[in-house]
PDB file of N, CA and C in Angstrom:
ATOM      1  N   MET A   1       4.126 -22.695 -57.542  1.00  0.00           N
ATOM      2  CA  MET A   1       3.350 -22.265 -56.411  1.00  0.00           C
ATOM      3  C   MET A   1       4.266 -21.525 -55.415  1.00  0.00           C
ATOM      4  N   LYS A   2       3.886 -20.303 -55.048  1.00  0.00           N
ATOM      5  CA  LYS A   2       4.696 -19.475 -54.175  1.00  0.00           C
ATOM      6  C   LYS A   2       4.290 -19.695 -52.717  1.00  0.00           C
ATOM      7  N   ARG A   3       5.291 -19.901 -51.868  1.00  0.00           N
ATOM      8  CA  ARG A   3       5.026 -20.092 -50.423  1.00  0.00           C
ATOM      9  C   ARG A   3       5.278 -18.776 -49.688  1.00  0.00           C
ATOM     10  N   THR A   4       4.345 -18.379 -48.840  1.00  0.00           N
ATOM     11  CA  THR A   4       4.532 -17.175 -48.030  1.00  0.00           C
ATOM     12  C   THR A   4       4.804 -17.600 -46.597  1.00  0.00           C
ATOM     13  N   GLN A   5       5.672 -16.876 -45.976  1.00  0.00           N
ATOM     14  CA  GLN A   5       5.996 -17.186 -44.581  1.00  0.00           C
ATOM     15  C   GLN A   5       4.961 -16.558 -43.670  1.00  0.00           C
ATOM     16  N   ARG A   6       4.744 -17.224 -42.590  1.00  0.00           N
ATOM     17  CA  ARG A   6       3.808 -16.711 -41.587  1.00  0.00           C
ATOM     18  C   ARG A   6       4.519 -16.670 -40.248  1.00  0.00           C
ATOM     19  N   GLY A   7       4.084 -15.761 -39.408  1.00  0.00           N
ATOM     20  CA  GLY A   7       4.677 -15.672 -38.085  1.00  0.00           C
ATOM     21  C   GLY A   7       5.265 -14.298 -37.840  1.00  0.00           C
ATOM     22  N   MET A   8       5.920 -14.189 -36.710  1.00  0.00           N
ATOM     23  CA  MET A   8       6.458 -12.917 -36.272  1.00  0.00           C
ATOM     24  C   MET A   8       7.928 -12.813 -36.697  1.00  0.00           C
ATOM     25  N   THR A   9       8.316 -11.633 -37.119  1.00  0.00           N
ATOM     26  CA  THR A   9       9.713 -11.419 -37.487  1.00  0.00           C
ATOM     27  C   THR A   9      10.538 -11.200 -36.224  1.00  0.00           C
ATOM     28  N   LEU A  10      11.818 -11.257 -36.342  1.00  0.00           N
ATOM     29  CA  LEU A  10      12.709 -11.056 -35.196  1.00  0.00           C
ATOM     30  C   LEU A  10      12.555  -9.647 -34.634  1.00  0.00           C
ATOM     31  N   ILE A  11      12.449  -8.658 -35.502  1.00  0.00           N
ATOM     32  CA  ILE A  11      12.268  -7.273 -35.048  1.00  0.00           C
ATOM     33  C   ILE A  11      10.943  -7.130 -34.301  1.00  0.00           C
ATOM     34  N   GLY A  12       9.883  -7.713 -34.814  1.00  0.00           N
ATOM     35  CA  GLY A  12       8.586  -7.667 -34.143  1.00  0.00           C
ATOM     36  C   GLY A  12       8.636  -8.344 -32.786  1.00  0.00           C
ATOM     37  N   PHE A  13       9.332  -9.472 -32.702  1.00  0.00           N
ATOM     38  CA  PHE A  13       9.467 -10.192 -31.437  1.00  0.00           C
ATOM     39  C   PHE A  13      10.238  -9.357 -30.419  1.00  0.00           C
ATOM     40  N   ILE A  14      11.293  -8.673 -30.848  1.00  0.00           N
ATOM     41  CA  ILE A  14      12.084  -7.837 -29.938  1.00  0.00           C
ATOM     42  C   ILE A  14      11.253  -6.660 -29.432  1.00  0.00           C
ATOM     43  N   ILE A  15      10.432  -6.071 -30.285  1.00  0.00           N
ATOM     44  CA  ILE A  15       9.579  -4.950 -29.873  1.00  0.00           C
ATOM     45  C   ILE A  15       8.547  -5.417 -28.853  1.00  0.00           C
ATOM     46  N   VAL A  16       7.906  -6.549 -29.108  1.00  0.00           N
ATOM     47  CA  VAL A  16       6.926  -7.091 -28.159  1.00  0.00           C
ATOM     48  C   VAL A  16       7.608  -7.417 -26.838  1.00  0.00           C
ATOM     49  N   LEU A  17       8.787  -8.002 -26.885  1.00  0.00           N
ATOM     50  CA  LEU A  17       9.533  -8.339 -25.678  1.00  0.00           C
ATOM     51  C   LEU A  17       9.901  -7.085 -24.890  1.00  0.00           C
ATOM     52  N   ALA A  18      10.263  -6.004 -25.577  1.00  0.00           N
ATOM     53  CA  ALA A  18      10.601  -4.752 -24.903  1.00  0.00           C
ATOM     54  C   ALA A  18       9.374  -4.153 -24.211  1.00  0.00           C
ATOM     55  N   VAL A  19       8.231  -4.171 -24.881  1.00  0.00           N
ATOM     56  CA  VAL A  19       7.004  -3.627 -24.277  1.00  0.00           C
ATOM     57  C   VAL A  19       6.612  -4.442 -23.048  1.00  0.00           C
ATOM     58  N   VAL A  20       6.654  -5.748 -23.161  1.00  0.00           N
ATOM     59  CA  VAL A  20       6.336  -6.613 -22.014  1.00  0.00           C
ATOM     60  C   VAL A  20       7.332  -6.368 -20.886  1.00  0.00           C
ATOM     61  N   GLY A  21       8.603  -6.195 -21.218  1.00  0.00           N
ATOM     62  CA  GLY A  21       9.626  -5.925 -20.210  1.00  0.00           C
ATOM     63  C   GLY A  21       9.384  -4.639 -19.454  1.00  0.00           C
ATOM     64  N   VAL A  22       8.943  -3.595 -20.161  1.00  0.00           N
ATOM     65  CA  VAL A  22       8.644  -2.316 -19.505  1.00  0.00           C
ATOM     66  C   VAL A  22       7.483  -2.478 -18.526  1.00  0.00           C
ATOM     67  N   PHE A  23       6.449  -3.207 -18.922  1.00  0.00           N
ATOM     68  CA  PHE A  23       5.311  -3.416 -18.027  1.00  0.00           C
ATOM     69  C   PHE A  23       5.682  -4.274 -16.825  1.00  0.00           C
ATOM     70  N   VAL A  24       6.518  -5.262 -17.009  1.00  0.00           N
ATOM     71  CA  VAL A  24       6.976  -6.084 -15.885  1.00  0.00           C
ATOM     72  C   VAL A  24       7.810  -5.240 -14.926  1.00  0.00           C
ATOM     73  N   TYR A  25       8.683  -4.403 -15.464  1.00  0.00           N
ATOM     74  CA  TYR A  25       9.511  -3.522 -14.640  1.00  0.00           C
ATOM     75  C   TYR A  25       8.646  -2.546 -13.834  1.00  0.00           C
ATOM     76  N   MET A  26       7.614  -1.986 -14.483  1.00  0.00           N
ATOM     77  CA  MET A  26       6.705  -1.082 -13.773  1.00  0.00           C
ATOM     78  C   MET A  26       5.953  -1.829 -12.672  1.00  0.00           C
ATOM     79  N   GLY A  27       5.556  -3.050 -12.953  1.00  0.00           N
ATOM     80  CA  GLY A  27       4.885  -3.859 -11.937  1.00  0.00           C
ATOM     81  C   GLY A  27       5.776  -4.126 -10.748  1.00  0.00           C
ATOM     82  N   MET A  28       7.067  -4.324 -11.007  1.00  0.00           N
ATOM     83  CA  MET A  28       8.011  -4.560  -9.914  1.00  0.00           C
ATOM     84  C   MET A  28       8.156  -3.327  -9.025  1.00  0.00           C
ATOM     85  N   LYS A  29       7.912  -2.166  -9.560  1.00  0.00           N
ATOM     86  CA  LYS A  29       7.964  -0.935  -8.774  1.00  0.00           C
ATOM     87  C   LYS A  29       6.643  -0.656  -8.053  1.00  0.00           C
ATOM     88  N   LEU A  30       5.517  -1.001  -8.685  1.00  0.00           N
ATOM     89  CA  LEU A  30       4.204  -0.662  -8.129  1.00  0.00           C
ATOM     90  C   LEU A  30       3.686  -1.679  -7.116  1.00  0.00           C
ATOM     91  N   ILE A  31       3.926  -2.942  -7.328  1.00  0.00           N
ATOM     92  CA  ILE A  31       3.359  -3.974  -6.463  1.00  0.00           C
ATOM     93  C   ILE A  31       3.793  -3.815  -5.007  1.00  0.00           C
ATOM     94  N   PRO A  32       5.076  -3.539  -4.692  1.00  0.00           N
ATOM     95  CA  PRO A  32       5.427  -3.333  -3.279  1.00  0.00           C
ATOM     96  C   PRO A  32       4.716  -2.145  -2.639  1.00  0.00           C
ATOM     97  N   MET A  33       4.455  -1.085  -3.415  1.00  0.00           N
ATOM     98  CA  MET A  33       3.744   0.073  -2.871  1.00  0.00           C
ATOM     99  C   MET A  33       2.327  -0.314  -2.455  1.00  0.00           C
ATOM    100  N   TYR A  34       1.641  -1.060  -3.302  1.00  0.00           N
ATOM    101  CA  TYR A  34       0.272  -1.459  -2.995  1.00  0.00           C
ATOM    102  C   TYR A  34       0.225  -2.563  -1.955  1.00  0.00           C
ATOM    103  N   SER A  35       1.246  -3.379  -1.893  1.00  0.00           N
ATOM    104  CA  SER A  35       1.331  -4.400  -0.860  1.00  0.00           C
ATOM    105  C   SER A  35       1.463  -3.743   0.517  1.00  0.00           C
ATOM    106  N   GLU A  36       2.239  -2.677   0.586  1.00  0.00           N
ATOM    107  CA  GLU A  36       2.389  -1.936   1.832  1.00  0.00           C
ATOM    108  C   GLU A  36       1.068  -1.276   2.231  1.00  0.00           C
ATOM    109  N   TYR A  37       0.357  -0.716   1.266  1.00  0.00           N
ATOM    110  CA  TYR A  37      -0.948  -0.113   1.537  1.00  0.00           C
ATOM    111  C   TYR A  37      -1.930  -1.163   2.052  1.00  0.00           C
ATOM    112  N   TYR A  38      -1.881  -2.361   1.481  1.00  0.00           N
ATOM    113  CA  TYR A  38      -2.741  -3.446   1.953  1.00  0.00           C
ATOM    114  C   TYR A  38      -2.396  -3.801   3.401  1.00  0.00           C
ATOM    115  N   SER A  39      -1.121  -3.750   3.765  1.00  0.00           N
ATOM    116  CA  SER A  39      -0.715  -4.021   5.145  1.00  0.00           C
ATOM    117  C   SER A  39      -1.267  -2.967   6.098  1.00  0.00           C
ATOM    118  N   VAL A  40      -1.294  -1.716   5.658  1.00  0.00           N
ATOM    119  CA  VAL A  40      -1.861  -0.636   6.476  1.00  0.00           C
ATOM    120  C   VAL A  40      -3.353  -0.880   6.687  1.00  0.00           C
ATOM    121  N   LYS A  41      -4.076  -1.202   5.597  1.00  0.00           N
ATOM    122  CA  LYS A  41      -5.511  -1.464   5.707  1.00  0.00           C
ATOM    123  C   LYS A  41      -5.777  -2.666   6.624  1.00  0.00           C
ATOM    124  N   GLN A  42      -4.942  -3.687   6.508  1.00  0.00           N
ATOM    125  CA  GLN A  42      -5.108  -4.885   7.317  1.00  0.00           C
ATOM    126  C   GLN A  42      -4.853  -4.570   8.806  1.00  0.00           C
ATOM    127  N   ALA A  43      -3.842  -3.758   9.101  1.00  0.00           N
ATOM    128  CA  ALA A  43      -3.553  -3.378  10.483  1.00  0.00           C
ATOM    129  C   ALA A  43      -4.697  -2.559  11.071  1.00  0.00           C
ATOM    130  N   LEU A  44      -5.241  -1.630  10.280  1.00  0.00           N
ATOM    131  CA  LEU A  44      -6.378  -0.836  10.763  1.00  0.00           C
ATOM    132  C   LEU A  44      -7.597  -1.718  11.012  1.00  0.00           C
ATOM    133  N   GLY A  45      -7.857  -2.647  10.102  1.00  0.00           N
ATOM    134  CA  GLY A  45      -8.993  -3.550  10.273  1.00  0.00           C
ATOM    135  C   GLY A  45      -8.855  -4.429  11.498  1.00  0.00           C
ATOM    136  N   ALA A  46      -7.656  -4.924  11.755  1.00  0.00           N
ATOM    137  CA  ALA A  46      -7.432  -5.770  12.931  1.00  0.00           C
ATOM    138  C   ALA A  46      -7.595  -4.964  14.214  1.00  0.00           C
ATOM    139  N   MET A  47      -7.191  -3.701  14.184  1.00  0.00           N
ATOM    140  CA  MET A  47      -7.341  -2.862  15.375  1.00  0.00           C
ATOM    141  C   MET A  47      -8.801  -2.515  15.627  1.00  0.00           C
ATOM    142  N   GLU A  48      -9.581  -2.375  14.561  1.00  0.00           N
ATOM    143  CA  GLU A  48     -11.014  -2.105  14.721  1.00  0.00           C
ATOM    144  C   GLU A  48     -11.709  -3.275  15.422  1.00  0.00           C
ATOM    145  N   GLU A  49     -11.285  -4.481  15.115  1.00  0.00           N
ATOM    146  CA  GLU A  49     -11.936  -5.676  15.651  1.00  0.00           C
ATOM    147  C   GLU A  49     -11.437  -6.083  17.030  1.00  0.00           C
ATOM    148  N   GLU A  50     -10.295  -5.555  17.452  1.00  0.00           N
ATOM    149  CA  GLU A  50      -9.733  -5.957  18.743  1.00  0.00           C
ATOM    150  C   GLU A  50     -10.543  -5.355  19.890  1.00  0.00           C
ATOM    151  N   PRO A  51     -11.014  -6.195  20.804  1.00  0.00           N
ATOM    152  CA  PRO A  51     -11.824  -5.674  21.913  1.00  0.00           C
ATOM    153  C   PRO A  51     -10.975  -4.844  22.881  1.00  0.00           C
ATOM    154  N   GLY A  52     -11.584  -3.806  23.413  1.00  0.00           N
ATOM    155  CA  GLY A  52     -10.926  -2.949  24.398  1.00  0.00           C
ATOM    156  C   GLY A  52      -9.959  -1.941  23.811  1.00  0.00           C
ATOM    157  N   MET A  53      -9.874  -1.843  22.496  1.00  0.00           N
ATOM    158  CA  MET A  53      -8.938  -0.912  21.869  1.00  0.00           C
ATOM    159  C   MET A  53      -9.325   0.542  22.147  1.00  0.00           C
ATOM    160  N   ALA A  54     -10.621   0.830  22.242  1.00  0.00           N
ATOM    161  CA  ALA A  54     -11.076   2.209  22.472  1.00  0.00           C
ATOM    162  C   ALA A  54     -10.769   2.683  23.892  1.00  0.00           C
ATOM    163  N   ASP A  55     -10.457   1.763  24.790  1.00  0.00           N
ATOM    164  CA  ASP A  55     -10.135   2.136  26.165  1.00  0.00           C
ATOM    165  C   ASP A  55      -8.666   2.511  26.336  1.00  0.00           C
ATOM    166  N   ARG A  56      -7.882   2.353  25.314  1.00  0.00           N
ATOM    167  CA  ARG A  56      -6.451   2.651  25.394  1.00  0.00           C
ATOM    168  C   ARG A  56      -6.179   4.110  25.040  1.00  0.00           C
ATOM    169  N   SER A  57      -5.005   4.563  25.415  1.00  0.00           N
ATOM    170  CA  SER A  57      -4.619   5.947  25.115  1.00  0.00           C
ATOM    171  C   SER A  57      -4.150   6.042  23.658  1.00  0.00           C
ATOM    172  N   PRO A  58      -4.161   7.252  23.098  1.00  0.00           N
ATOM    173  CA  PRO A  58      -3.669   7.409  21.727  1.00  0.00           C
ATOM    174  C   PRO A  58      -2.218   6.935  21.549  1.00  0.00           C
ATOM    175  N   ALA A  59      -1.377   7.126  22.564  1.00  0.00           N
ATOM    176  CA  ALA A  59       0.017   6.671  22.471  1.00  0.00           C
ATOM    177  C   ALA A  59       0.080   5.145  22.388  1.00  0.00           C
ATOM    178  N   GLN A  60      -0.755   4.456  23.162  1.00  0.00           N
ATOM    179  CA  GLN A  60      -0.791   2.988  23.100  1.00  0.00           C
ATOM    180  C   GLN A  60      -1.319   2.512  21.754  1.00  0.00           C
ATOM    181  N   ILE A  61      -2.338   3.180  21.233  1.00  0.00           N
ATOM    182  CA  ILE A  61      -2.896   2.812  19.926  1.00  0.00           C
ATOM    183  C   ILE A  61      -1.849   3.012  18.834  1.00  0.00           C
ATOM    184  N   ARG A  62      -1.136   4.119  18.882  1.00  0.00           N
ATOM    185  CA  ARG A  62      -0.079   4.399  17.903  1.00  0.00           C
ATOM    186  C   ARG A  62       0.997   3.314  17.966  1.00  0.00           C
ATOM    187  N   ASP A  63       1.403   2.957  19.173  1.00  0.00           N
ATOM    188  CA  ASP A  63       2.434   1.932  19.348  1.00  0.00           C
ATOM    189  C   ASP A  63       1.971   0.578  18.801  1.00  0.00           C
ATOM    190  N   LEU A  64       0.739   0.193  19.085  1.00  0.00           N
ATOM    191  CA  LEU A  64       0.208  -1.080  18.577  1.00  0.00           C
ATOM    192  C   LEU A  64       0.101  -1.080  17.056  1.00  0.00           C
ATOM    193  N   PHE A  65      -0.294   0.051  16.483  1.00  0.00           N
ATOM    194  CA  PHE A  65      -0.393   0.146  15.030  1.00  0.00           C
ATOM    195  C   PHE A  65       0.971  -0.064  14.375  1.00  0.00           C
ATOM    196  N   PHE A  66       1.995   0.602  14.899  1.00  0.00           N
ATOM    197  CA  PHE A  66       3.316   0.471  14.287  1.00  0.00           C
ATOM    198  C   PHE A  66       3.953  -0.883  14.577  1.00  0.00           C
ATOM    199  N   ARG A  67       3.574  -1.533  15.656  1.00  0.00           N
ATOM    200  CA  ARG A  67       4.033  -2.911  15.872  1.00  0.00           C
ATOM    201  C   ARG A  67       3.467  -3.840  14.807  1.00  0.00           C
ATOM    202  N   ARG A  68       2.211  -3.640  14.452  1.00  0.00           N
ATOM    203  CA  ARG A  68       1.600  -4.464  13.404  1.00  0.00           C
ATOM    204  C   ARG A  68       2.270  -4.197  12.048  1.00  0.00           C
ATOM    205  N   LEU A  69       2.621  -2.951  11.782  1.00  0.00           N
ATOM    206  CA  LEU A  69       3.285  -2.636  10.522  1.00  0.00           C
ATOM    207  C   LEU A  69       4.720  -3.161  10.490  1.00  0.00           C
ATOM    208  N   TYR A  70       5.370  -3.209  11.648  1.00  0.00           N
ATOM    209  CA  TYR A  70       6.739  -3.710  11.708  1.00  0.00           C
ATOM    210  C   TYR A  70       6.793  -5.169  11.261  1.00  0.00           C
ATOM    211  N   VAL A  71       5.780  -5.933  11.612  1.00  0.00           N
ATOM    212  CA  VAL A  71       5.712  -7.335  11.215  1.00  0.00           C
ATOM    213  C   VAL A  71       5.566  -7.455   9.701  1.00  0.00           C
ATOM    214  N   SER A  72       4.898  -6.492   9.076  1.00  0.00           N
ATOM    215  CA  SER A  72       4.657  -6.515   7.629  1.00  0.00           C
ATOM    216  C   SER A  72       5.779  -5.869   6.821  1.00  0.00           C
ATOM    217  N   TYR A  73       6.829  -5.417   7.477  1.00  0.00           N
ATOM    218  CA  TYR A  73       7.952  -4.749   6.809  1.00  0.00           C
ATOM    219  C   TYR A  73       7.509  -3.504   6.045  1.00  0.00           C
ATOM    220  N   ALA A  74       6.570  -2.763   6.593  1.00  0.00           N
ATOM    221  CA  ALA A  74       6.135  -1.511   5.977  1.00  0.00           C
ATOM    222  C   ALA A  74       7.108  -0.420   6.411  1.00  0.00           C
ATOM    223  N   GLU A  75       7.876   0.088   5.472  1.00  0.00           N
ATOM    224  CA  GLU A  75       8.935   1.029   5.827  1.00  0.00           C
ATOM    225  C   GLU A  75       8.643   2.473   5.443  1.00  0.00           C
ATOM    226  N   ASN A  76       7.623   2.734   4.661  1.00  0.00           N
ATOM    227  CA  ASN A  76       7.343   4.098   4.205  1.00  0.00           C
ATOM    228  C   ASN A  76       6.406   4.862   5.122  1.00  0.00           C
ATOM    229  N   ILE A  77       5.763   4.200   6.068  1.00  0.00           N
ATOM    230  CA  ILE A  77       4.830   4.870   6.969  1.00  0.00           C
ATOM    231  C   ILE A  77       5.587   5.308   8.212  1.00  0.00           C
ATOM    232  N   LYS A  78       5.565   6.608   8.459  1.00  0.00           N
ATOM    233  CA  LYS A  78       6.243   7.185   9.619  1.00  0.00           C
ATOM    234  C   LYS A  78       5.200   7.632  10.640  1.00  0.00           C
ATOM    235  N   ARG A  79       5.673   7.991  11.817  1.00  0.00           N
ATOM    236  CA  ARG A  79       4.769   8.392  12.904  1.00  0.00           C
ATOM    237  C   ARG A  79       3.935   9.617  12.542  1.00  0.00           C
ATOM    238  N   GLU A  80       4.492  10.515  11.758  1.00  0.00           N
ATOM    239  CA  GLU A  80       3.744  11.731  11.399  1.00  0.00           C
ATOM    240  C   GLU A  80       2.647  11.467  10.371  1.00  0.00           C
ATOM    241  N   HIS A  81       2.638  10.284   9.769  1.00  0.00           N
ATOM    242  CA  HIS A  81       1.603   9.938   8.797  1.00  0.00           C
ATOM    243  C   HIS A  81       0.318   9.428   9.450  1.00  0.00           C
ATOM    244  N   LEU A  82       0.386   9.086  10.731  1.00  0.00           N
ATOM    245  CA  LEU A  82      -0.781   8.569  11.454  1.00  0.00           C
ATOM    246  C   LEU A  82      -1.386   9.677  12.295  1.00  0.00           C
ATOM    247  N   ASP A  83      -2.668   9.938  12.084  1.00  0.00           N
ATOM    248  CA  ASP A  83      -3.405  10.928  12.873  1.00  0.00           C
ATOM    249  C   ASP A  83      -4.479  10.198  13.663  1.00  0.00           C
ATOM    250  N   ILE A  84      -4.490  10.422  14.974  1.00  0.00           N
ATOM    251  CA  ILE A  84      -5.492   9.793  15.837  1.00  0.00           C
ATOM    252  C   ILE A  84      -6.363  10.897  16.411  1.00  0.00           C
ATOM    253  N   ALA A  85      -7.652  10.843  16.103  1.00  0.00           N
ATOM    254  CA  ALA A  85      -8.599  11.856  16.590  1.00  0.00           C
ATOM    255  C   ALA A  85      -9.692  11.168  17.395  1.00  0.00           C
ATOM    256  N   ARG A  86     -10.027  11.770  18.523  1.00  0.00           N
ATOM    257  CA  ARG A  86     -11.096  11.217  19.353  1.00  0.00           C
ATOM    258  C   ARG A  86     -12.438  11.621  18.750  1.00  0.00           C
ATOM    259  N   ARG A  87     -13.298  10.628  18.524  1.00  0.00           N
ATOM    260  CA  ARG A  87     -14.633  10.881  17.971  1.00  0.00           C
ATOM    261  C   ARG A  87     -15.640  10.058  18.755  1.00  0.00           C
ATOM    262  N   ASP A  88     -16.715  10.668  19.130  1.00  0.00           N
ATOM    263  CA  ASP A  88     -17.822  10.011  19.830  1.00  0.00           C
ATOM    264  C   ASP A  88     -17.298   9.094  20.933  1.00  0.00           C
ATOM    265  N   ALA A  89     -17.493   7.794  20.772  1.00  0.00           N
ATOM    266  CA  ALA A  89     -17.092   6.838  21.806  1.00  0.00           C
ATOM    267  C   ALA A  89     -15.869   6.046  21.356  1.00  0.00           C
ATOM    268  N   GLY A  90     -14.920   6.707  20.731  1.00  0.00           N
ATOM    269  CA  GLY A  90     -13.738   5.988  20.274  1.00  0.00           C
ATOM    270  C   GLY A  90     -12.769   6.910  19.558  1.00  0.00           C
ATOM    271  N   PHE A  91     -12.067   6.351  18.593  1.00  0.00           N
ATOM    272  CA  PHE A  91     -11.052   7.082  17.846  1.00  0.00           C
ATOM    273  C   PHE A  91     -11.214   6.854  16.354  1.00  0.00           C
ATOM    274  N   VAL A  92     -10.741   7.829  15.584  1.00  0.00           N
ATOM    275  CA  VAL A  92     -10.630   7.679  14.134  1.00  0.00           C
ATOM    276  C   VAL A  92      -9.148   7.754  13.803  1.00  0.00           C
ATOM    277  N   LEU A  93      -8.642   6.704  13.182  1.00  0.00           N
ATOM    278  CA  LEU A  93      -7.246   6.641  12.775  1.00  0.00           C
ATOM    279  C   LEU A  93      -7.171   6.935  11.287  1.00  0.00           C
ATOM    280  N   THR A  94      -6.385   7.932  10.916  1.00  0.00           N
ATOM    281  CA  THR A  94      -6.205   8.303   9.519  1.00  0.00           C
ATOM    282  C   THR A  94      -4.737   8.175   9.169  1.00  0.00           C
ATOM    283  N   VAL A  95      -4.468   7.388   8.143  1.00  0.00           N
ATOM    284  CA  VAL A  95      -3.100   7.219   7.658  1.00  0.00           C
ATOM    285  C   VAL A  95      -3.051   7.810   6.256  1.00  0.00           C
ATOM    286  N   GLU A  96      -2.199   8.816   6.093  1.00  0.00           N
ATOM    287  CA  GLU A  96      -2.059   9.475   4.801  1.00  0.00           C
ATOM    288  C   GLU A  96      -0.566   9.602   4.514  1.00  0.00           C
ATOM    289  N   TYR A  97      -0.132   8.999   3.415  1.00  0.00           N
ATOM    290  CA  TYR A  97       1.286   9.045   3.089  1.00  0.00           C
ATOM    291  C   TYR A  97       1.485   8.972   1.581  1.00  0.00           C
ATOM    292  N   GLU A  98       2.697   9.291   1.186  1.00  0.00           N
ATOM    293  CA  GLU A  98       3.060   9.301  -0.231  1.00  0.00           C
ATOM    294  C   GLU A  98       4.345   8.509  -0.409  1.00  0.00           C
ATOM    295  N   VAL A  99       4.385   7.707  -1.461  1.00  0.00           N
ATOM    296  CA  VAL A  99       5.571   6.916  -1.774  1.00  0.00           C
ATOM    297  C   VAL A  99       6.064   7.341  -3.155  1.00  0.00           C
ATOM    298  N   ARG A 100       7.349   7.631  -3.241  1.00  0.00           N
ATOM    299  CA  ARG A 100       7.958   8.028  -4.510  1.00  0.00           C
ATOM    300  C   ARG A 100       9.090   7.050  -4.811  1.00  0.00           C
ATOM    301  N   LYS A 101       8.990   6.398  -5.962  1.00  0.00           N
ATOM    302  CA  LYS A 101      10.007   5.432  -6.390  1.00  0.00           C
ATOM    303  C   LYS A 101      10.533   5.851  -7.757  1.00  0.00           C
ATOM    304  N   PRO A 102      11.861   5.799  -7.946  1.00  0.00           N
ATOM    305  CA  PRO A 102      12.401   6.101  -9.278  1.00  0.00           C
ATOM    306  C   PRO A 102      11.998   5.014 -10.270  1.00  0.00           C
ATOM    307  N   LEU A 103      11.649   5.430 -11.467  1.00  0.00           N
ATOM    308  CA  LEU A 103      11.216   4.462 -12.478  1.00  0.00           C
ATOM    309  C   LEU A 103      12.313   4.293 -13.531  1.00  0.00           C
ATOM    310  N   ILE A 104      12.405   5.214 -14.451  1.00  0.00           N
ATOM    311  CA  ILE A 104      13.412   5.156 -15.495  1.00  0.00           C
ATOM    312  C   ILE A 104      14.015   6.549 -15.650  1.00  0.00           C
ATOM    313  N   GLY A 105      15.304   6.667 -15.508  1.00  0.00           N
ATOM    314  CA  GLY A 105      15.959   7.960 -15.666  1.00  0.00           C
ATOM    315  C   GLY A 105      15.457   8.963 -14.649  1.00  0.00           C
ATOM    316  N   ASN A 106      14.920  10.075 -15.127  1.00  0.00           N
ATOM    317  CA  ASN A 106      14.403  11.096 -14.217  1.00  0.00           C
ATOM    318  C   ASN A 106      12.891  10.995 -14.019  1.00  0.00           C
ATOM    319  N   LEU A 107      12.292   9.880 -14.390  1.00  0.00           N
ATOM    320  CA  LEU A 107      10.860   9.660 -14.171  1.00  0.00           C
ATOM    321  C   LEU A 107      10.650   8.904 -12.862  1.00  0.00           C
ATOM    322  N   ASP A 108       9.707   9.381 -12.070  1.00  0.00           N
ATOM    323  CA  ASP A 108       9.361   8.741 -10.801  1.00  0.00           C
ATOM    324  C   ASP A 108       7.915   8.283 -10.832  1.00  0.00           C
ATOM    325  N   VAL A 109       7.643   7.258 -10.041  1.00  0.00           N
ATOM    326  CA  VAL A 109       6.276   6.805  -9.802  1.00  0.00           C
ATOM    327  C   VAL A 109       5.892   7.321  -8.423  1.00  0.00           C
ATOM    328  N   VAL A 110       4.777   8.024  -8.327  1.00  0.00           N
ATOM    329  CA  VAL A 110       4.326   8.572  -7.051  1.00  0.00           C
ATOM    330  C   VAL A 110       2.981   7.953  -6.714  1.00  0.00           C
ATOM    331  N   GLY A 111       2.891   7.407  -5.514  1.00  0.00           N
ATOM    332  CA  GLY A 111       1.631   6.851  -5.030  1.00  0.00           C
ATOM    333  C   GLY A 111       1.188   7.601  -3.789  1.00  0.00           C
ATOM    334  N   LYS A 112      -0.029   8.110  -3.795  1.00  0.00           N
ATOM    335  CA  LYS A 112      -0.608   8.765  -2.620  1.00  0.00           C
ATOM    336  C   LYS A 112      -1.647   7.822  -2.045  1.00  0.00           C
ATOM    337  N   PHE A 113      -1.512   7.541  -0.769  1.00  0.00           N
ATOM    338  CA  PHE A 113      -2.386   6.568  -0.132  1.00  0.00           C
ATOM    339  C   PHE A 113      -3.080   7.189   1.068  1.00  0.00           C
ATOM    340  N   HIS A 114      -4.325   6.779   1.263  1.00  0.00           N
ATOM    341  CA  HIS A 114      -5.171   7.300   2.344  1.00  0.00           C
ATOM    342  C   HIS A 114      -6.011   6.141   2.886  1.00  0.00           C
ATOM    343  N   ALA A 115      -5.923   5.910   4.189  1.00  0.00           N
ATOM    344  CA  ALA A 115      -6.708   4.844   4.821  1.00  0.00           C
ATOM    345  C   ALA A 115      -7.265   5.367   6.138  1.00  0.00           C
ATOM    346  N   VAL A 116      -8.488   4.949   6.450  1.00  0.00           N
ATOM    347  CA  VAL A 116      -9.163   5.396   7.671  1.00  0.00           C
ATOM    348  C   VAL A 116      -9.684   4.172   8.410  1.00  0.00           C
ATOM    349  N   GLY A 117      -9.503   4.185   9.726  1.00  0.00           N
ATOM    350  CA  GLY A 117     -10.033   3.135  10.583  1.00  0.00           C
ATOM    351  C   GLY A 117     -10.790   3.736  11.746  1.00  0.00           C
ATOM    352  N   ASN A 118     -11.897   3.136  12.140  1.00  0.00           N
ATOM    353  CA  ASN A 118     -12.707   3.619  13.260  1.00  0.00           C
ATOM    354  C   ASN A 118     -12.630   2.612  14.400  1.00  0.00           C
ATOM    355  N   ILE A 119     -12.240   3.119  15.565  1.00  0.00           N
ATOM    356  CA  ILE A 119     -12.207   2.285  16.765  1.00  0.00           C
ATOM    357  C   ILE A 119     -13.312   2.790  17.686  1.00  0.00           C
ATOM    358  N   ARG A 120     -14.240   1.907  17.976  1.00  0.00           N
ATOM    359  CA  ARG A 120     -15.395   2.280  18.815  1.00  0.00           C
ATOM    360  C   ARG A 120     -15.466   1.389  20.034  1.00  0.00           C
ATOM    361  N   ARG A 121     -16.076   1.924  21.052  1.00  0.00           N
ATOM    362  CA  ARG A 121     -16.332   1.097  22.255  1.00  0.00           C
ATOM    363  C   ARG A 121     -17.406   0.067  21.905  1.00  0.00           C
ATOM    364  N   GLY A 122     -17.210  -1.127  22.383  1.00  0.00           N
ATOM    365  CA  GLY A 122     -18.219  -2.171  22.167  1.00  0.00           C
ATOM    366  C   GLY A 122     -18.065  -2.877  20.850  1.00  0.00           C
ATOM    367  N   GLY A 123     -16.970  -2.666  20.111  1.00  0.00           N
ATOM    368  CA  GLY A 123     -16.753  -3.405  18.871  1.00  0.00           C
ATOM    369  C   GLY A 123     -17.270  -2.684  17.665  1.00  0.00           C
ATOM    370  N   ILE A 124     -17.464  -3.439  16.594  1.00  0.00           N
ATOM    371  CA  ILE A 124     -17.899  -2.886  15.312  1.00  0.00           C
ATOM    372  C   ILE A 124     -19.417  -2.808  15.283  1.00  0.00           C
ATOM    373  N   ASP A 125     -19.929  -1.740  14.651  1.00  0.00           N
ATOM    374  CA  ASP A 125     -21.394  -1.601  14.492  1.00  0.00           C
ATOM    375  C   ASP A 125     -21.879  -2.460  13.363  1.00  0.00           C
TER     376      ASP A 125
END
């Protein structure tokens, strides 16, 4: 009676391990980018809910926004990425930025992010 072996060979295991390693490495590059974007969305949402925010000047709003990001260690968002426009009875805050991280060799991962927040008098509709 002939016995056949079952299971994964060493070469197969190394290939699977390499593929999993590449995906883990890519995740290590992508997760901080999206975590920073989540911090931007969270800062905009908190500013929308804060009472009296629409009564402040654009310079004060900009300063408060970047103070909130400073707490979150968001380092890729610069002052030129935030646009504050007066609309109706408040402001529209638009954050548009791009993050470029080296991946492997001469390959880069590029993330383009866009977030909008509305600050209105009298709170949220």
